[in-house]
Amino acid sequence: MSDIKIKITDREGISHEVDAPTDMNMNLMEVVRAYELAPEGTIGICGGMAMCASCQCYVQSNHHLPEKSDDEEAMLSEAFNLKENSRLGCQLNISDVMDGLEVELAPAE
């Protein structure tokens, strides 16, 4: 099993350094849920289909991440609290290149 470290700042402003497995086909939203870093029912409402933006996060570190898909771009264009560094956690599959990634969860509203 291969794990990477990710720093996630929750919606209360508390920073958490977590281990994320690269061999389980998980995405960032699922990691947040697994560590219960957001109240149940407030993240990943659509189940990771890029249809709700409840898993929006702000990428704080300078990582080369995959380009946004058309679905992700479309959903973010309708999201509240959008920033230039906004991404949907459900669209960021955990991989080795994400080691040391730093993200902040966007507000729930």
Protein backbone atom coordinates (compact mmCIF):
# COMPACT_ATOMS: atom_id res chain seq x y z
CA MET A 1 0.00 0.00 0.00
CA SER A 2 1.33 3.42 -0.96
CA ASP A 3 0.18 6.50 0.95
CA ILE A 4 0.82 10.18 0.35
CA LYS A 5 0.44 13.11 2.74
CA ILE A 6 -2.22 15.75 2.08
CA LYS A 7 -2.88 18.83 4.20
CA ILE A 8 -6.60 19.68 4.36
CA THR A 9 -7.93 22.79 6.07
CA ASP A 10 -11.52 22.16 7.12
CA ARG A 11 -14.37 24.68 7.09
CA GLU A 12 -13.58 25.68 10.68
CA GLY A 13 -10.04 26.70 9.65
CA ILE A 14 -8.40 23.69 11.33
CA SER A 15 -5.55 22.08 9.40
CA HIS A 16 -5.27 18.28 9.19
CA GLU A 17 -2.39 16.30 7.69
CA VAL A 18 -3.79 13.01 6.49
CA ASP A 19 -2.52 9.88 4.78
CA ALA A 20 -4.24 9.19 1.46
CA PRO A 21 -3.84 5.84 -0.30
CA THR A 22 -2.80 5.93 -3.94
CA ASP A 23 -3.78 2.31 -4.58
CA MET A 24 -7.51 2.43 -3.74
CA ASN A 25 -8.81 4.59 -6.63
CA MET A 26 -10.03 7.26 -4.18
CA ASN A 27 -10.58 10.93 -4.89
CA LEU A 28 -10.02 13.90 -2.61
CA MET A 29 -13.72 14.15 -1.66
CA GLU A 30 -13.68 10.53 -0.49
CA VAL A 31 -10.56 11.19 1.61
CA VAL A 32 -12.31 14.15 3.29
CA ARG A 33 -15.31 11.93 4.01
CA ALA A 34 -13.16 9.05 5.28
CA TYR A 35 -11.46 11.34 7.82
CA GLU A 36 -14.80 13.04 8.67
CA LEU A 37 -13.36 16.51 7.99
CA ALA A 38 -16.78 17.89 7.05
CA PRO A 39 -20.15 17.20 8.70
CA GLU A 40 -21.98 14.25 7.14
CA GLY A 41 -24.31 15.35 4.38
CA THR A 42 -22.34 18.52 3.57
CA ILE A 43 -19.75 17.13 1.16
CA GLY A 44 -20.13 14.85 -1.84
CA ILE A 45 -23.90 15.20 -1.91
CA CYS A 46 -24.09 14.05 -5.55
CA GLY A 47 -21.84 11.06 -4.83
CA GLY A 48 -18.88 12.37 -6.78
CA MET A 49 -20.53 12.99 -10.14
CA ALA A 50 -19.42 16.67 -10.52
CA MET A 51 -23.06 17.73 -10.17
CA CYS A 52 -23.26 19.68 -6.89
CA ALA A 53 -19.98 21.48 -5.99
CA SER A 54 -20.38 20.52 -2.31
CA CYS A 55 -16.79 19.21 -2.42
CA GLN A 56 -15.33 22.43 -3.81
CA CYS A 57 -11.90 23.17 -2.42
CA TYR A 58 -9.16 25.71 -2.95
CA VAL A 59 -5.78 24.31 -4.00
CA GLN A 60 -3.20 26.17 -1.88
CA SER A 61 -0.02 24.40 -3.03
CA ASN A 62 1.70 24.59 -6.38
CA HIS A 63 0.95 21.09 -7.69
CA HIS A 64 0.49 20.12 -11.32
CA LEU A 65 -3.00 18.63 -11.22
CA PRO A 66 -5.00 17.18 -14.11
CA GLU A 67 -6.86 19.72 -16.22
CA LYS A 68 -10.49 20.38 -15.34
CA SER A 69 -12.96 18.35 -17.35
CA ASP A 70 -15.85 20.06 -19.13
CA ASP A 71 -18.21 18.74 -16.41
CA GLU A 72 -16.03 20.18 -13.64
CA GLU A 73 -15.74 23.56 -15.43
CA ALA A 74 -19.52 23.68 -15.90
CA MET A 75 -20.25 22.88 -12.25
CA LEU A 76 -17.69 25.36 -10.94
CA SER A 77 -19.18 28.08 -13.16
CA GLU A 78 -22.39 27.74 -11.11
CA ALA A 79 -20.72 27.35 -7.69
CA PHE A 80 -20.77 29.90 -4.88
CA ASN A 81 -17.50 31.18 -3.34
CA LEU A 82 -15.61 30.43 -6.55
CA LYS A 83 -11.90 31.32 -6.65
CA GLU A 84 -9.25 31.01 -9.33
CA ASN A 85 -7.81 27.97 -7.52
CA SER A 86 -11.18 26.21 -7.03
CA ARG A 87 -11.44 22.52 -7.86
CA LEU A 88 -13.99 19.81 -7.17
CA GLY A 89 -12.52 17.25 -4.79
CA CYS A 90 -14.48 14.47 -6.46
CA GLN A 91 -12.58 15.11 -9.69
CA LEU A 92 -9.11 14.90 -8.13
CA ASN A 93 -8.09 11.23 -8.05
CA ILE A 94 -5.40 10.50 -5.47
CA SER A 95 -2.03 9.80 -7.09
CA ASP A 96 1.67 10.00 -6.24
CA VAL A 97 1.99 13.45 -7.86
CA MET A 98 -0.35 14.83 -5.17
CA ASP A 99 2.07 14.11 -2.30
CA GLY A 100 2.22 17.25 -0.14
CA LEU A 101 -0.93 18.75 -1.68
CA GLU A 102 -2.52 21.51 0.41
CA VAL A 103 -6.21 22.33 0.05
CA GLU A 104 -8.84 24.29 1.93
CA LEU A 105 -12.49 23.25 1.87
CA ALA A 106 -14.79 25.91 0.44
CA PRO A 107 -17.67 27.14 2.64
CA ALA A 108 -20.72 24.86 2.66
CA GLU A 109 -23.18 27.45 1.36
